[in-house]
Amino acid sequence: MNGYNKAHTLFYRVGFDYFSDTFAVLANSNTSESFEVNKAITFPFMVNVILNDLWSIEVQLELQRAKKGFEVTTNDESSFVSLFLKSIKTISF
């Protein structure tokens, strides 16, 4: 979603993205399954303020929560082993 204010001196852009992917089966048998899992939710935000015909200020911010690791199911019990230090990583820049 994006747009301008009524005076056209401010432009904004806001977004949302959800990413979910499961990679190759790492192990599979009658009693256990293992998959590599990547999931992320991202919120990008950008504002551009026009000061005059020559100058403007632009600010961009992106927040992301990511989950990456291995999902293991053994005898109907699931567990998740993260590749990050925490099970969910929060990233902002």
C-alpha atoms as a PDB file:
ATOM      1  CA  MET A   1       0.000   0.000   0.000  1.00  0.00           C
ATOM      2  CA  ASN A   2       1.362   3.441  -0.848  1.00  0.00           C
ATOM      3  CA  GLY A   3       0.234   6.991  -1.440  1.00  0.00           C
ATOM      4  CA  TYR A   4       0.711  10.724  -0.968  1.00  0.00           C
ATOM      5  CA  ASN A   5      -0.727  13.292   1.410  1.00  0.00           C
ATOM      6  CA  LYS A   6      -3.059  15.950  -0.077  1.00  0.00           C
ATOM      7  CA  ALA A   7      -0.208  18.449  -0.635  1.00  0.00           C
ATOM      8  CA  HIS A   8       1.964  15.768  -2.321  1.00  0.00           C
ATOM      9  CA  THR A   9       4.855  16.593   0.014  1.00  0.00           C
ATOM     10  CA  LEU A  10       4.868  13.214   1.759  1.00  0.00           C
ATOM     11  CA  PHE A  11       4.981   9.786   0.131  1.00  0.00           C
ATOM     12  CA  TYR A  12       4.562   6.569   2.132  1.00  0.00           C
ATOM     13  CA  ARG A  13       4.824   2.871   1.379  1.00  0.00           C
ATOM     14  CA  VAL A  14       3.814   0.098   3.792  1.00  0.00           C
ATOM     15  CA  GLY A  15       3.925  -3.623   3.108  1.00  0.00           C
ATOM     16  CA  PHE A  16       3.567  -7.108   4.508  1.00  0.00           C
ATOM     17  CA  ASP A  17       5.107 -10.400   3.422  1.00  0.00           C
ATOM     18  CA  TYR A  18       4.800 -13.933   4.781  1.00  0.00           C
ATOM     19  CA  PHE A  19       7.323 -16.533   3.609  1.00  0.00           C
ATOM     20  CA  SER A  20       7.108 -20.221   4.419  1.00  0.00           C
ATOM     21  CA  ASP A  21       9.194 -22.930   2.804  1.00  0.00           C
ATOM     22  CA  THR A  22      10.022 -26.528   3.620  1.00  0.00           C
ATOM     23  CA  PHE A  23      13.141 -27.973   2.056  1.00  0.00           C
ATOM     24  CA  ALA A  24      14.122 -31.536   1.278  1.00  0.00           C
ATOM     25  CA  VAL A  25      13.280 -34.374   3.588  1.00  0.00           C
ATOM     26  CA  LEU A  26      16.435 -35.020   5.586  1.00  0.00           C
ATOM     27  CA  ALA A  27      15.402 -38.344   7.112  1.00  0.00           C
ATOM     28  CA  ASN A  28      12.277 -40.384   6.647  1.00  0.00           C
ATOM     29  CA  SER A  29      11.252 -43.728   8.092  1.00  0.00           C
ATOM     30  CA  ASN A  30       8.214 -45.315   9.717  1.00  0.00           C
ATOM     31  CA  THR A  31       9.036 -43.681  13.063  1.00  0.00           C
ATOM     32  CA  SER A  32      10.745 -40.364  12.240  1.00  0.00           C
ATOM     33  CA  GLU A  33      10.663 -37.505   9.730  1.00  0.00           C
ATOM     34  CA  SER A  34      12.923 -34.469   9.505  1.00  0.00           C
ATOM     35  CA  PHE A  35      12.491 -31.330   7.375  1.00  0.00           C
ATOM     36  CA  GLU A  36      14.401 -28.060   7.007  1.00  0.00           C
ATOM     37  CA  VAL A  37      11.963 -25.199   7.656  1.00  0.00           C
ATOM     38  CA  ASN A  38      12.208 -21.473   6.788  1.00  0.00           C
ATOM     39  CA  LYS A  39       9.483 -19.043   7.873  1.00  0.00           C
ATOM     40  CA  ALA A  40       9.485 -15.248   8.015  1.00  0.00           C
ATOM     41  CA  ILE A  41       7.071 -12.347   8.473  1.00  0.00           C
ATOM     42  CA  THR A  42       8.296  -8.992   7.131  1.00  0.00           C
ATOM     43  CA  PHE A  43       6.889  -5.455   7.525  1.00  0.00           C
ATOM     44  CA  PRO A  44       8.676  -2.892   5.283  1.00  0.00           C
ATOM     45  CA  PHE A  45       7.934   0.827   5.775  1.00  0.00           C
ATOM     46  CA  MET A  46       9.194   3.848   3.821  1.00  0.00           C
ATOM     47  CA  VAL A  47       8.449   7.588   4.108  1.00  0.00           C
ATOM     48  CA  ASN A  48       9.728  10.310   1.766  1.00  0.00           C
ATOM     49  CA  VAL A  49       9.234  13.959   2.767  1.00  0.00           C
ATOM     50  CA  ILE A  50       9.747  16.544   0.000  1.00  0.00           C
ATOM     51  CA  LEU A  51      11.295  19.689   1.477  1.00  0.00           C
ATOM     52  CA  ASN A  52      11.551  21.698  -1.767  1.00  0.00           C
ATOM     53  CA  ASP A  53      12.325  21.146  -5.468  1.00  0.00           C
ATOM     54  CA  LEU A  54      15.898  20.120  -4.658  1.00  0.00           C
ATOM     55  CA  TRP A  55      15.763  18.349  -1.285  1.00  0.00           C
ATOM     56  CA  SER A  56      13.893  15.486   0.272  1.00  0.00           C
ATOM     57  CA  ILE A  57      14.339  13.153   3.247  1.00  0.00           C
ATOM     58  CA  GLU A  58      13.693   9.431   2.993  1.00  0.00           C
ATOM     59  CA  VAL A  59      13.426   6.994   5.890  1.00  0.00           C
ATOM     60  CA  GLN A  60      13.146   3.231   5.494  1.00  0.00           C
ATOM     61  CA  LEU A  61      12.463   0.680   8.208  1.00  0.00           C
ATOM     62  CA  GLU A  62      11.999  -3.071   7.954  1.00  0.00           C
ATOM     63  CA  LEU A  63      11.004  -5.421  10.749  1.00  0.00           C
ATOM     64  CA  GLN A  64      11.284  -9.168  10.318  1.00  0.00           C
ATOM     65  CA  ARG A  65      10.659 -12.223  12.482  1.00  0.00           C
ATOM     66  CA  ALA A  66      12.397 -15.287  11.109  1.00  0.00           C
ATOM     67  CA  LYS A  67      12.405 -18.962  12.023  1.00  0.00           C
ATOM     68  CA  LYS A  68      14.913 -21.347  10.437  1.00  0.00           C
ATOM     69  CA  GLY A  69      15.853 -24.837  11.497  1.00  0.00           C
ATOM     70  CA  PHE A  70      14.830 -28.467  11.502  1.00  0.00           C
ATOM     71  CA  GLU A  71      11.431 -29.849  12.392  1.00  0.00           C
ATOM     72  CA  VAL A  72      11.716 -33.412  13.652  1.00  0.00           C
ATOM     73  CA  THR A  73       8.786 -35.767  14.270  1.00  0.00           C
ATOM     74  CA  THR A  74       9.454 -39.014  16.099  1.00  0.00           C
ATOM     75  CA  ASN A  75       6.639 -41.350  17.182  1.00  0.00           C
ATOM     76  CA  ASP A  76       3.999 -38.563  16.827  1.00  0.00           C
ATOM     77  CA  GLU A  77       6.030 -36.098  18.941  1.00  0.00           C
ATOM     78  CA  SER A  78       7.304 -32.958  17.163  1.00  0.00           C
ATOM     79  CA  SER A  79      10.284 -30.815  18.074  1.00  0.00           C
ATOM     80  CA  PHE A  80      12.044 -27.874  16.456  1.00  0.00           C
ATOM     81  CA  VAL A  81      15.815 -27.301  16.421  1.00  0.00           C
ATOM     82  CA  SER A  82      16.679 -23.702  15.480  1.00  0.00           C
ATOM     83  CA  LEU A  83      19.710 -22.622  13.469  1.00  0.00           C
ATOM     84  CA  PHE A  84      19.516 -19.238  15.264  1.00  0.00           C
ATOM     85  CA  LEU A  85      20.522 -18.691  18.894  1.00  0.00           C
ATOM     86  CA  LYS A  86      16.795 -18.297  19.705  1.00  0.00           C
ATOM     87  CA  SER A  87      13.938 -20.204  18.088  1.00  0.00           C
ATOM     88  CA  ILE A  88      12.613 -16.966  16.503  1.00  0.00           C
ATOM     89  CA  LYS A  89      14.935 -14.161  15.411  1.00  0.00           C
ATOM     90  CA  THR A  90      13.726 -10.540  15.254  1.00  0.00           C
ATOM     91  CA  ILE A  91      15.564  -8.364  12.736  1.00  0.00           C
ATOM     92  CA  SER A  92      15.172  -4.609  12.229  1.00  0.00           C
ATOM     93  CA  PHE A  93      17.077  -2.231   9.991  1.00  0.00           C
END
